[in-house]
Amino acid sequence: MNGKKVLKLFGIFVLALALVGLGYWWGQSDKNVVQSSPTATHSTAGHGETGSQADAPGSVNVSPEKQQLVGIRTAVAEVRPVVKKIRTVGIVTYDETKVAHVYSKVDGWIEKLFVDYTGKLVQKGQPLFTFYSPDLVSTQEEYLLALQAKDSLGSSSVKEIRSGSQSLLEATRRRLRLWDIADKEIQDIEQTGQPQKNLTIFSPLNGFVIKKEAFQGMKVMPDKELYTVADLSTVWVNADIYEFELPYVRVGQGAKIALSYFPGHVFTGRVSWIAPVLDEKTRTAKLRLEVPNHDFTLKPEMYANIEIDMEAGRKLAIPDEAVLDSGLRKVVFVDKGQGRFEPREIIVGGKFDSYYEVLSGLSPGEQIIASASFLLDSESRLKEAMGAMAGMPGMEKEGAQGKEGMKGMKMDAPVKSGPQEKKVQDLTLTVSTQPETPKAGENIVRLKIVDKSGKVVKDAQVAFLFQMTMAGMAPSKADGKLSKDGLYEAKANLAMAGEWEATVTIRRPNQKEIREKFRVVTQQ
């Protein structure tokens, strides 16, 4: 074979490997994808359901031992009640419909305070302070004169005189009421026949004094707020929810409120208002909950955790961890029995707590993989891509066992079995395994450290990190223990067959830390 042909075949091989890395399997046309729907039969010509026939494209065979090793769990696609849970954080605040402000409404001086500090609990009708005002005294005198006029002129034969005396009395009484003088005090004025120097202002509702600007002896004006009283038997909790959650929330819906510093106690409330506009920066909408607070446990400005449950009925659903989402397609692996797992594209609806609604692609009762799906996905992609590469010019299958090769070219294994030796600084590092050719599963990894004088180093701290070059594969860590042979040994759990990267970290007293990488290839 001449050099040009070898170079051309090598270029084809590199291109095929690039397609694998870019997700070749995901980008194939519909002819390479197993199409499915709730009523379709998921077998194609030449791809039956029995073990004696060929598997569907991308199917993976996993032995029971390997399933247990990588932690494969299955779940059933079933029709179940699903609940949309919305979780957010809110802030407790006052119920604005139960807050009252107290003013004098007339010039004067405060004579005596009955409520003399902020935070005091008051009842509706409870005295707040007494008030002296020359205008109030003169209005009381006018009221007493109007009473005398009504008594003397009320029996007059002239209708205009009788009605005039009555109108004057009503106008004076109305003025006193507009200045927040209670009916009881007006009755006292009528009974004593004397104007009172000091009149009392009462609390307009039950609640706590949250603001106090009144002091004994101070002069006040009508525009001066003296007290603010808030009824905390009901509070509001204001929260933000994202715009995609808005369709699941409605006014009147129940909600649960919990405080992190009051564990075990759950308050219940209801949604009383949803903002008609979004915040353009955070893409959230304001939400208000109305919560009973008869024991006053909830206090304004507290932070609260909110959970709103929206029941969405019964739907065909699967665990969300079972779905592999590429952004364009969503795939699950269906358990076909006897260790065979078949990739299948599905269409999902909404996500409800830890479940996806399945619109098409699965039927009730089908078994799917609920964990370790990414491992099967990686092997499925590789198998699909290698199957496509087999049809390229210059590629052929060798032997009955289905090993892939390139016609006319001989490729050596990336790492040979046996000890690997590297020189780092003034040390010689030798890594070996037991067995010499490691298998998928638990192996013993050994490190020998020799200094430049040929002496075995025994004062080091050694740590191993094993990681497969595959997205989503969790690394395995182990500390090396010095054996009587002067080797640092560790148990390595290499879950899958393939190439692993072993990072060795060596720490010695008063020496610079050494970190070196080796490659270990495991077999089935």
Protein backbone atom coordinates (compact mmCIF):
# COMPACT_ATOMS: atom_id res chain seq x y z
CA MET A 1 0.00 0.00 0.00
CA ASN A 2 1.53 3.38 -1.03
CA GLY A 3 1.95 6.34 1.33
CA LYS A 4 -0.91 8.40 -0.15
CA LYS A 5 -3.45 5.63 0.42
CA VAL A 6 -2.27 5.10 4.00
CA LEU A 7 -2.53 8.84 4.64
CA LYS A 8 -6.05 8.91 3.17
CA LEU A 9 -7.23 6.01 5.36
CA PHE A 10 -5.69 7.63 8.41
CA GLY A 11 -7.61 10.84 7.63
CA ILE A 12 -10.86 8.87 7.44
CA PHE A 13 -10.15 7.34 10.86
CA VAL A 14 -9.45 10.75 12.45
CA LEU A 15 -12.67 12.18 10.96
CA ALA A 16 -14.68 9.27 12.38
CA LEU A 17 -13.23 9.82 15.87
CA ALA A 18 -14.12 13.53 15.65
CA LEU A 19 -17.72 12.64 14.84
CA VAL A 20 -17.85 10.50 17.97
CA GLY A 21 -16.62 13.39 20.13
CA LEU A 22 -19.13 15.85 18.65
CA GLY A 23 -22.10 13.61 19.37
CA TYR A 24 -22.33 11.72 16.09
CA TRP A 25 -25.06 9.50 17.41
CA TRP A 26 -27.27 12.48 18.34
CA GLY A 27 -26.93 14.07 14.94
CA GLN A 28 -27.89 11.05 12.83
CA SER A 29 -30.91 11.19 10.56
CA ASP A 30 -34.23 9.63 11.48
CA LYS A 31 -33.24 6.38 9.80
CA ASN A 32 -30.73 5.75 12.60
CA VAL A 33 -33.10 6.76 15.41
CA VAL A 34 -35.59 4.40 16.96
CA GLN A 35 -38.88 6.25 16.60
CA SER A 36 -41.52 5.49 19.18
CA SER A 37 -45.02 6.39 20.25
CA PRO A 38 -47.41 4.98 22.85
CA THR A 39 -49.02 2.72 20.27
CA ALA A 40 -46.13 1.92 17.92
CA THR A 41 -44.24 -1.39 17.83
CA HIS A 42 -40.59 -0.69 18.63
CA SER A 43 -38.95 -3.19 16.30
CA THR A 44 -37.74 -2.73 12.76
CA ALA A 45 -36.98 -5.11 9.94
CA GLY A 46 -34.15 -7.34 11.03
CA HIS A 47 -34.31 -6.03 14.64
CA GLY A 48 -36.56 -8.33 16.63
CA GLU A 49 -37.32 -8.48 20.33
CA THR A 50 -35.66 -11.81 21.09
CA GLY A 51 -32.04 -12.33 22.06
CA SER A 52 -31.46 -14.49 18.99
CA GLN A 53 -32.19 -11.56 16.64
CA ALA A 54 -30.17 -8.41 16.10
CA ASP A 55 -30.53 -5.56 18.62
CA ALA A 56 -32.06 -2.19 17.77
CA PRO A 57 -29.56 0.57 16.80
CA GLY A 58 -27.66 1.82 19.84
CA SER A 59 -28.81 -1.03 22.13
CA VAL A 60 -26.46 -1.95 24.96
CA ASN A 61 -25.92 -5.32 26.64
CA VAL A 62 -24.93 -5.19 30.32
CA SER A 63 -24.28 -8.24 32.46
CA PRO A 64 -26.01 -8.52 35.88
CA GLU A 65 -22.63 -8.18 37.63
CA LYS A 66 -21.88 -4.96 35.81
CA GLN A 67 -25.39 -3.62 36.48
CA GLN A 68 -24.81 -4.11 40.18
CA LEU A 69 -21.35 -2.59 40.02
CA VAL A 70 -22.40 0.67 38.36
CA GLY A 71 -25.64 0.92 40.37
CA ILE A 72 -28.28 0.56 37.66
CA ARG A 73 -31.84 1.02 38.95
CA THR A 74 -35.04 0.63 36.97
CA ALA A 75 -38.38 2.41 37.20
CA VAL A 76 -41.78 1.86 35.64
CA ALA A 77 -43.56 4.31 33.35
CA GLU A 78 -46.92 4.57 35.06
CA VAL A 79 -49.99 6.77 35.25
CA ARG A 80 -49.78 8.51 38.61
CA PRO A 81 -51.04 11.66 40.34
CA VAL A 82 -48.50 14.44 39.83
CA VAL A 83 -48.06 17.62 41.82
CA LYS A 84 -46.29 20.78 40.72
CA LYS A 85 -44.32 22.14 43.68
CA ILE A 86 -43.31 25.78 43.65
CA ARG A 87 -40.75 26.71 46.27
CA THR A 88 -39.63 30.25 47.00
CA VAL A 89 -38.65 32.60 49.82
CA GLY A 90 -40.81 35.41 51.16
CA ILE A 91 -40.77 38.24 53.69
CA VAL A 92 -43.46 38.73 56.33
CA THR A 93 -45.07 42.17 56.40
CA TYR A 94 -48.13 43.97 57.77
CA ASP A 95 -51.63 43.48 56.43
CA GLU A 96 -52.09 46.94 54.93
CA THR A 97 -55.87 46.75 55.35
CA LYS A 98 -55.42 46.50 59.14
CA VAL A 99 -53.13 49.46 59.84
CA ALA A 100 -54.46 52.71 61.40
CA HIS A 101 -52.82 56.15 61.84
CA VAL A 102 -53.80 58.47 64.69
CA TYR A 103 -53.77 62.30 64.32
CA SER A 104 -55.07 65.10 66.56
CA LYS A 105 -56.96 66.89 63.70
CA VAL A 106 -56.79 70.14 65.68
CA ASP A 107 -54.08 72.28 67.28
CA GLY A 108 -53.38 71.64 70.92
CA TRP A 109 -51.23 70.04 73.63
CA ILE A 110 -50.93 66.50 74.93
CA GLU A 111 -51.75 66.47 78.64
CA LYS A 112 -51.34 62.78 79.56
CA LEU A 113 -50.13 59.62 77.80
CA PHE A 114 -51.76 56.25 78.46
CA VAL A 115 -49.76 54.36 75.79
CA ASP A 116 -46.21 55.52 76.29
CA TYR A 117 -44.00 53.08 74.34
CA THR A 118 -43.72 51.47 70.92
CA GLY A 119 -44.75 47.83 70.63
CA LYS A 120 -47.54 47.92 73.20
CA LEU A 121 -50.62 45.80 72.47
CA VAL A 122 -53.80 47.88 72.61
CA GLN A 123 -57.48 47.11 72.22
CA LYS A 124 -59.98 48.99 70.11
CA GLY A 125 -61.43 51.86 72.21
CA GLN A 126 -58.52 51.87 74.68
CA PRO A 127 -57.38 55.44 75.68
CA LEU A 128 -54.18 56.59 74.00
CA PHE A 129 -53.76 60.14 75.39
CA THR A 130 -55.69 63.18 76.69
CA PHE A 131 -55.62 66.37 74.69
CA TYR A 132 -56.15 70.08 75.44
CA SER A 133 -57.16 72.44 72.65
CA PRO A 134 -58.68 75.92 72.93
CA ASP A 135 -60.69 75.20 69.78
CA LEU A 136 -62.15 72.09 71.39
CA VAL A 137 -63.09 73.99 74.54
CA SER A 138 -64.82 76.75 72.56
CA THR A 139 -66.65 74.17 70.43
CA GLN A 140 -67.90 72.46 73.61
CA GLU A 141 -69.21 75.81 74.86
CA GLU A 142 -70.97 76.33 71.54
CA TYR A 143 -72.48 72.88 71.91
CA LEU A 144 -73.79 73.69 75.40
CA LEU A 145 -75.29 76.96 74.11
CA ALA A 146 -76.93 75.06 71.25
CA LEU A 147 -78.44 72.66 73.79
CA GLN A 148 -79.88 75.56 75.81
CA ALA A 149 -81.23 77.18 72.66
CA LYS A 150 -82.90 73.94 71.63
CA ASP A 151 -84.53 73.60 75.06
CA SER A 152 -85.86 77.17 75.03
CA LEU A 153 -86.72 77.47 71.36
CA GLY A 154 -87.69 73.90 70.63
CA SER A 155 -91.29 74.58 71.67
CA SER A 156 -91.59 77.78 69.62
CA SER A 157 -94.63 78.06 67.40
CA VAL A 158 -92.43 79.34 64.61
CA LYS A 159 -91.21 76.45 62.52
CA GLU A 160 -88.07 78.20 61.30
CA ILE A 161 -86.95 78.93 64.87
CA ARG A 162 -87.46 75.33 65.95
CA SER A 163 -85.56 73.89 62.98
CA GLY A 164 -82.77 76.50 63.31
CA SER A 165 -82.06 75.55 66.92
CA GLN A 166 -82.01 71.87 66.00
CA SER A 167 -79.66 72.46 63.03
CA LEU A 168 -77.25 74.46 65.20
CA LEU A 169 -77.09 71.62 67.75
CA GLU A 170 -76.46 68.97 65.06
CA ALA A 171 -73.75 71.04 63.38
CA THR A 172 -71.87 71.52 66.66
CA ARG A 173 -72.15 67.82 67.56
CA ARG A 174 -70.92 66.87 64.07
CA ARG A 175 -67.85 69.09 64.47
CA LEU A 176 -66.93 67.33 67.73
CA ARG A 177 -67.29 63.91 66.10
CA LEU A 178 -65.12 64.95 63.13
CA TRP A 179 -62.40 65.80 65.64
CA ASP A 180 -62.59 62.18 66.94
CA ILE A 181 -64.44 63.09 70.16
CA ALA A 182 -66.23 59.93 71.28
CA ASP A 183 -70.03 59.84 71.73
CA LYS A 184 -69.52 58.94 75.40
CA GLU A 185 -67.57 62.13 75.99
CA ILE A 186 -70.23 64.16 74.19
CA GLN A 187 -72.84 62.61 76.51
CA ASP A 188 -70.68 63.55 79.52
CA ILE A 189 -70.63 67.16 78.32
CA GLU A 190 -74.43 67.13 78.02
CA GLN A 191 -74.89 65.61 81.49
CA THR A 192 -72.42 67.88 83.36
CA GLY A 193 -73.29 71.02 81.44
CA GLN A 194 -69.64 72.02 81.62
CA PRO A 195 -66.95 71.95 78.89
CA GLN A 196 -64.10 69.57 79.59
CA LYS A 197 -60.58 70.92 79.41
CA ASN A 198 -59.02 67.63 78.32
CA LEU A 199 -60.60 65.20 75.88
CA THR A 200 -59.42 61.62 75.30
CA ILE A 201 -58.31 60.04 71.98
CA PHE A 202 -58.91 56.27 71.71
CA SER A 203 -57.33 53.44 69.69
CA PRO A 204 -59.19 52.85 66.42
CA LEU A 205 -58.50 49.06 66.35
CA ASN A 206 -56.90 46.07 68.11
CA GLY A 207 -53.19 45.75 67.47
CA PHE A 208 -49.64 46.74 68.29
CA VAL A 209 -48.30 50.29 68.39
CA ILE A 210 -45.62 50.12 65.69
CA LYS A 211 -44.90 53.85 65.67
CA LYS A 212 -45.20 56.47 68.44
CA GLU A 213 -44.47 60.17 67.99
CA ALA A 214 -46.55 61.43 70.94
CA PHE A 215 -44.89 62.78 74.11
CA GLN A 216 -46.42 64.26 77.20
CA GLY A 217 -46.72 68.06 77.08
CA MET A 218 -45.81 68.41 73.40
CA LYS A 219 -47.68 70.74 71.09
CA VAL A 220 -49.16 69.05 68.08
CA MET A 221 -50.55 70.15 64.75
CA PRO A 222 -53.31 68.46 62.71
CA ASP A 223 -50.78 67.09 60.20
CA LYS A 224 -48.64 65.43 62.89
CA GLU A 225 -48.96 61.60 63.04
CA LEU A 226 -48.96 60.59 66.69
CA TYR A 227 -49.49 56.79 66.61
CA THR A 228 -49.54 53.94 64.07
CA VAL A 229 -51.42 50.81 65.17
CA ALA A 230 -51.22 47.52 63.23
CA ASP A 231 -53.40 44.45 63.71
CA LEU A 232 -51.06 41.41 63.41
CA SER A 233 -53.74 38.73 63.77
CA THR A 234 -53.34 38.42 59.99
CA VAL A 235 -50.09 39.10 58.13
CA TRP A 236 -48.97 39.17 54.53
CA VAL A 237 -46.03 37.23 53.10
CA ASN A 238 -44.60 38.76 49.93
CA ALA A 239 -42.62 36.52 47.57
CA ASP A 240 -41.31 36.35 44.00
CA ILE A 241 -41.97 33.54 41.53
CA TYR A 242 -40.52 33.05 38.06
CA GLU A 243 -42.60 33.70 34.99
CA PHE A 244 -42.62 30.04 33.94
CA GLU A 245 -44.30 29.19 37.26
CA LEU A 246 -47.15 31.69 36.84
CA PRO A 247 -49.48 29.28 34.96
CA TYR A 248 -49.51 26.99 38.02
CA VAL A 249 -50.58 29.62 40.58
CA ARG A 250 -54.00 31.19 41.07
CA VAL A 251 -55.67 33.48 43.60
CA GLY A 252 -57.21 31.55 46.48
CA GLN A 253 -54.77 28.65 46.23
CA GLY A 254 -53.40 27.26 49.48
CA ALA A 255 -49.75 27.53 50.50
CA LYS A 256 -47.44 26.30 53.27
CA ILE A 257 -45.13 28.64 55.14
CA ALA A 258 -42.23 27.49 57.33
CA LEU A 259 -39.51 29.29 59.28
CA SER A 260 -35.98 27.89 59.38
CA TYR A 261 -35.63 28.96 63.02
CA PHE A 262 -38.97 27.41 64.03
CA PRO A 263 -38.58 23.80 62.76
CA GLY A 264 -41.50 21.43 62.75
CA HIS A 265 -44.18 24.13 62.61
CA VAL A 266 -46.00 24.80 59.34
CA PHE A 267 -48.32 27.76 58.79
CA THR A 268 -51.05 27.70 56.17
CA GLY A 269 -52.17 30.62 54.07
CA ARG A 270 -53.70 31.42 50.73
CA VAL A 271 -52.68 33.40 47.65
CA SER A 272 -54.52 36.73 47.85
CA TRP A 273 -52.86 38.67 45.02
CA ILE A 274 -50.61 38.12 41.98
CA ALA A 275 -48.87 41.09 40.41
CA PRO A 276 -50.14 41.98 36.92
CA VAL A 277 -46.61 42.85 35.69
CA LEU A 278 -43.15 41.24 35.76
CA ASP A 279 -39.88 42.66 37.00
CA GLU A 280 -37.92 43.16 33.78
CA LYS A 281 -34.54 42.45 35.41
CA THR A 282 -35.29 39.35 37.48
CA ARG A 283 -38.14 38.01 35.27
CA THR A 284 -40.23 37.39 38.39
CA ALA A 285 -43.71 38.39 39.52
CA LYS A 286 -44.74 39.47 43.00
CA LEU A 287 -46.97 37.13 44.95
CA ARG A 288 -48.85 37.87 48.17
CA LEU A 289 -49.99 35.31 50.72
CA GLU A 290 -52.48 36.03 53.47
CA VAL A 291 -51.65 34.06 56.62
CA PRO A 292 -53.57 33.86 59.97
CA ASN A 293 -51.31 34.79 62.89
CA HIS A 294 -53.46 34.59 66.02
CA ASP A 295 -50.53 33.82 68.37
CA PHE A 296 -48.33 36.52 66.73
CA THR A 297 -45.54 34.02 65.92
CA LEU A 298 -45.03 35.55 62.48
CA LYS A 299 -43.45 38.97 62.81
CA PRO A 300 -42.91 41.57 60.08
CA GLU A 301 -39.54 41.37 58.28
CA MET A 302 -39.09 37.66 59.03
CA TYR A 303 -37.86 35.44 56.19
CA ALA A 304 -40.09 32.48 55.38
CA ASN A 305 -39.85 29.40 53.14
CA ILE A 306 -42.92 29.00 50.93
CA GLU A 307 -44.19 25.88 49.20
CA ILE A 308 -47.20 25.90 46.89
CA ASP A 309 -48.57 22.56 45.69
CA MET A 310 -50.55 22.48 42.47
CA GLU A 311 -52.25 19.15 41.76
CA ALA A 312 -52.17 18.46 38.03
CA GLY A 313 -54.22 15.25 37.95
CA ARG A 314 -53.07 11.80 36.81
CA LYS A 315 -50.51 11.61 34.02
CA LEU A 316 -48.09 9.09 32.49
CA ALA A 317 -44.87 10.01 34.27
CA ILE A 318 -41.29 8.81 34.78
CA PRO A 319 -38.51 9.97 37.17
CA ASP A 320 -36.66 13.02 35.90
CA GLU A 321 -33.26 11.36 36.50
CA ALA A 322 -34.12 8.76 33.85
CA VAL A 323 -34.27 11.36 31.05
CA LEU A 324 -31.13 12.24 29.08
CA ASP A 325 -31.62 15.75 27.68
CA SER A 326 -29.37 16.90 24.81
CA GLY A 327 -31.26 20.17 24.42
CA LEU A 328 -32.91 19.03 21.18
CA ARG A 329 -33.92 15.49 22.06
CA LYS A 330 -34.83 13.60 25.21
CA VAL A 331 -33.92 9.91 25.43
CA VAL A 332 -34.53 7.11 27.91
CA PHE A 333 -33.19 3.56 28.00
CA VAL A 334 -35.87 0.86 27.96
CA ASP A 335 -35.15 -2.44 29.71
CA LYS A 336 -35.81 -5.16 27.10
CA GLY A 337 -34.84 -8.02 29.42
CA GLN A 338 -31.83 -10.35 29.58
CA GLY A 339 -29.44 -7.41 30.11
CA ARG A 340 -30.47 -5.55 26.93
CA PHE A 341 -31.22 -1.81 27.08
CA GLU A 342 -32.61 0.10 24.12
CA PRO A 343 -32.37 3.91 23.68
CA ARG A 344 -35.69 5.54 22.81
CA GLU A 345 -36.56 9.14 22.07
CA ILE A 346 -39.55 10.51 23.97
CA ILE A 347 -41.55 13.73 24.09
CA VAL A 348 -42.14 15.13 27.57
CA GLY A 349 -44.60 17.67 28.90
CA GLY A 350 -44.25 19.60 32.15
CA LYS A 351 -41.94 18.74 35.02
CA PHE A 352 -43.77 17.96 38.26
CA ASP A 353 -41.53 17.83 41.33
CA SER A 354 -39.19 14.89 40.51
CA TYR A 355 -41.19 13.52 37.55
CA TYR A 356 -41.58 14.30 33.86
CA GLU A 357 -44.92 13.93 32.12
CA VAL A 358 -44.53 11.68 29.04
CA LEU A 359 -46.55 12.77 26.01
CA SER A 360 -45.29 10.10 23.62
CA GLY A 361 -42.59 7.48 23.27
CA LEU A 362 -43.48 5.20 26.19
CA SER A 363 -46.43 3.07 27.20
CA PRO A 364 -47.65 2.42 30.76
CA GLY A 365 -45.83 -0.50 32.37
CA GLU A 366 -42.56 -0.28 30.40
CA GLN A 367 -39.39 -0.60 32.45
CA ILE A 368 -36.76 2.13 32.03
CA ILE A 369 -33.35 2.88 33.53
CA ALA A 370 -33.65 5.40 36.37
CA SER A 371 -29.94 5.69 37.30
CA ALA A 372 -26.54 5.44 35.63
CA SER A 373 -28.19 6.28 32.31
CA PHE A 374 -25.22 8.39 31.25
CA LEU A 375 -23.00 5.30 31.31
CA LEU A 376 -25.32 3.42 28.96
CA ASP A 377 -25.64 6.53 26.82
CA SER A 378 -21.87 6.79 26.36
CA GLU A 379 -21.58 3.15 25.35
CA SER A 380 -24.63 3.45 23.08
CA ARG A 381 -23.18 6.48 21.29
CA LEU A 382 -19.88 4.71 20.76
CA LYS A 383 -21.58 1.58 19.42
CA GLU A 384 -23.78 3.59 17.06
CA ALA A 385 -20.87 5.65 15.77
CA MET A 386 -18.64 2.61 15.28
CA GLY A 387 -21.47 0.93 13.42
CA ALA A 388 -21.58 3.92 11.08
CA MET A 389 -17.79 3.88 10.68
CA ALA A 390 -17.91 0.24 9.59
CA GLY A 391 -19.50 1.26 6.31
CA MET A 392 -16.83 3.83 5.45
CA PRO A 393 -14.25 3.09 2.72
CA GLY A 394 -11.19 1.34 4.10
CA MET A 395 -12.98 0.09 7.25
CA GLU A 396 -13.83 -3.54 7.95
CA LYS A 397 -14.85 -5.85 10.80
CA GLU A 398 -12.31 -8.46 11.78
CA GLY A 399 -13.28 -11.86 13.18
CA ALA A 400 -16.48 -13.28 14.51
CA GLN A 401 -16.27 -11.32 17.77
CA GLY A 402 -17.03 -8.02 16.06
CA LYS A 403 -13.78 -6.15 16.85
CA GLU A 404 -13.47 -3.01 14.74
CA GLY A 405 -10.32 -2.51 12.65
CA MET A 406 -8.94 -0.51 9.76
CA LYS A 407 -7.99 -2.42 6.67
CA GLY A 408 -4.32 -2.19 5.87
CA MET A 409 -3.40 -0.43 9.10
CA LYS A 410 -2.19 -1.81 12.40
CA MET A 411 -2.83 0.18 15.57
CA ASP A 412 -1.10 -0.57 18.86
CA ALA A 413 -2.93 -0.39 22.17
CA PRO A 414 -2.57 3.09 23.77
CA VAL A 415 -1.15 1.61 26.99
CA LYS A 416 0.56 -1.75 27.38
CA SER A 417 -0.13 -3.82 30.44
CA GLY A 418 2.63 -4.05 33.04
CA PRO A 419 4.55 -1.53 35.17
CA GLN A 420 4.82 2.08 33.97
CA GLU A 421 7.89 4.12 34.93
CA LYS A 422 8.42 7.88 34.92
CA LYS A 423 11.23 10.11 36.19
CA VAL A 424 10.02 13.20 38.03
CA GLN A 425 12.54 15.62 39.55
CA ASP A 426 15.11 13.35 41.24
CA LEU A 427 12.70 10.45 41.79
CA THR A 428 11.75 7.40 39.74
CA LEU A 429 8.05 6.50 39.96
CA THR A 430 6.83 3.04 38.98
CA VAL A 431 3.11 2.23 38.86
CA SER A 432 1.85 -1.34 38.59
CA THR A 433 -1.42 -3.18 39.19
CA GLN A 434 -2.59 -6.49 40.57
CA PRO A 435 -3.63 -8.30 38.45
CA GLU A 436 -1.07 -7.10 35.93
CA THR A 437 -3.89 -6.63 33.38
CA PRO A 438 -6.57 -4.83 35.46
CA LYS A 439 -10.20 -5.83 35.16
CA ALA A 440 -13.37 -3.76 35.45
CA GLY A 441 -14.04 -3.65 39.18
CA GLU A 442 -11.71 -3.58 42.18
CA ASN A 443 -7.94 -3.74 41.58
CA ILE A 444 -4.77 -3.13 43.61
CA VAL A 445 -2.63 -0.22 42.36
CA ARG A 446 0.98 0.01 43.58
CA LEU A 447 3.51 2.84 43.48
CA LYS A 448 7.23 2.42 44.01
CA ILE A 449 9.33 5.54 44.68
CA VAL A 450 13.12 5.43 44.30
CA ASP A 451 15.43 8.42 44.82
CA LYS A 452 18.49 9.26 42.72
CA SER A 453 20.76 7.16 44.94
CA GLY A 454 18.62 4.06 44.31
CA LYS A 455 17.08 4.06 47.80
CA VAL A 456 13.38 3.27 48.20
CA VAL A 457 11.48 6.29 49.61
CA LYS A 458 9.31 5.39 52.62
CA ASP A 459 8.51 8.80 54.19
CA ALA A 460 5.92 9.98 51.63
CA GLN A 461 2.20 10.53 51.79
CA VAL A 462 0.61 9.16 48.61
CA ALA A 463 -2.91 9.76 47.25
CA PHE A 464 -4.47 8.28 44.10
CA LEU A 465 -7.27 9.80 41.99
CA PHE A 466 -8.82 7.60 39.29
CA GLN A 467 -11.02 9.21 36.66
CA MET A 468 -12.40 8.04 33.36
CA THR A 469 -12.32 10.56 30.53
CA MET A 470 -16.11 10.51 30.21
CA ALA A 471 -18.58 13.28 31.11
CA GLY A 472 -20.53 12.54 34.26
CA MET A 473 -18.24 9.74 35.50
CA ALA A 474 -17.53 10.29 39.20
CA PRO A 475 -13.83 10.08 40.18
CA SER A 476 -12.56 7.50 42.65
CA LYS A 477 -10.12 8.46 45.42
CA ALA A 478 -7.83 6.29 47.55
CA ASP A 479 -4.87 6.81 49.90
CA GLY A 480 -1.74 4.72 49.42
CA LYS A 481 -0.53 2.70 52.39
CA LEU A 482 3.11 1.67 52.71
CA SER A 483 3.54 -2.13 52.54
CA LYS A 484 6.39 -4.19 53.95
CA ASP A 485 7.84 -4.39 50.43
CA GLY A 486 8.26 -0.61 50.32
CA LEU A 487 5.33 -0.12 47.89
CA TYR A 488 2.45 2.28 48.36
CA GLU A 489 -0.74 0.27 47.73
CA ALA A 490 -4.36 1.33 47.30
CA LYS A 491 -7.61 -0.35 46.27
CA ALA A 492 -8.96 1.16 43.06
CA ASN A 493 -12.61 0.75 42.09
CA LEU A 494 -12.46 0.97 38.28
CA ALA A 495 -16.12 0.44 37.48
CA MET A 496 -15.97 0.17 33.69
CA ALA A 497 -13.72 -1.33 31.08
CA GLY A 498 -11.72 1.29 29.25
CA GLU A 499 -8.95 3.83 29.74
CA TRP A 500 -8.60 5.48 33.18
CA GLU A 501 -6.42 8.40 34.18
CA ALA A 502 -4.57 7.77 37.45
CA THR A 503 -3.25 10.94 39.13
CA VAL A 504 -0.63 10.26 41.82
CA THR A 505 0.05 12.98 44.43
CA ILE A 506 3.22 12.63 46.52
CA ARG A 507 3.95 14.77 49.57
CA ARG A 508 7.24 14.53 51.49
CA PRO A 509 8.59 16.56 54.42
CA ASN A 510 10.35 19.77 53.27
CA GLN A 511 9.94 18.74 49.62
CA LYS A 512 7.91 20.20 46.81
CA GLU A 513 4.65 18.34 46.12
CA ILE A 514 4.73 16.03 43.11
CA ARG A 515 1.69 15.30 40.97
CA GLU A 516 2.03 12.94 38.02
CA LYS A 517 -0.49 11.22 35.73
CA PHE A 518 -0.48 7.62 34.50
CA ARG A 519 -2.93 5.71 32.30
CA VAL A 520 -4.52 2.41 33.28
CA VAL A 521 -6.56 0.34 30.79
CA THR A 522 -9.08 -2.12 32.24
CA GLN A 523 -10.54 -5.13 30.46
CA GLN A 524 -13.94 -6.80 30.85
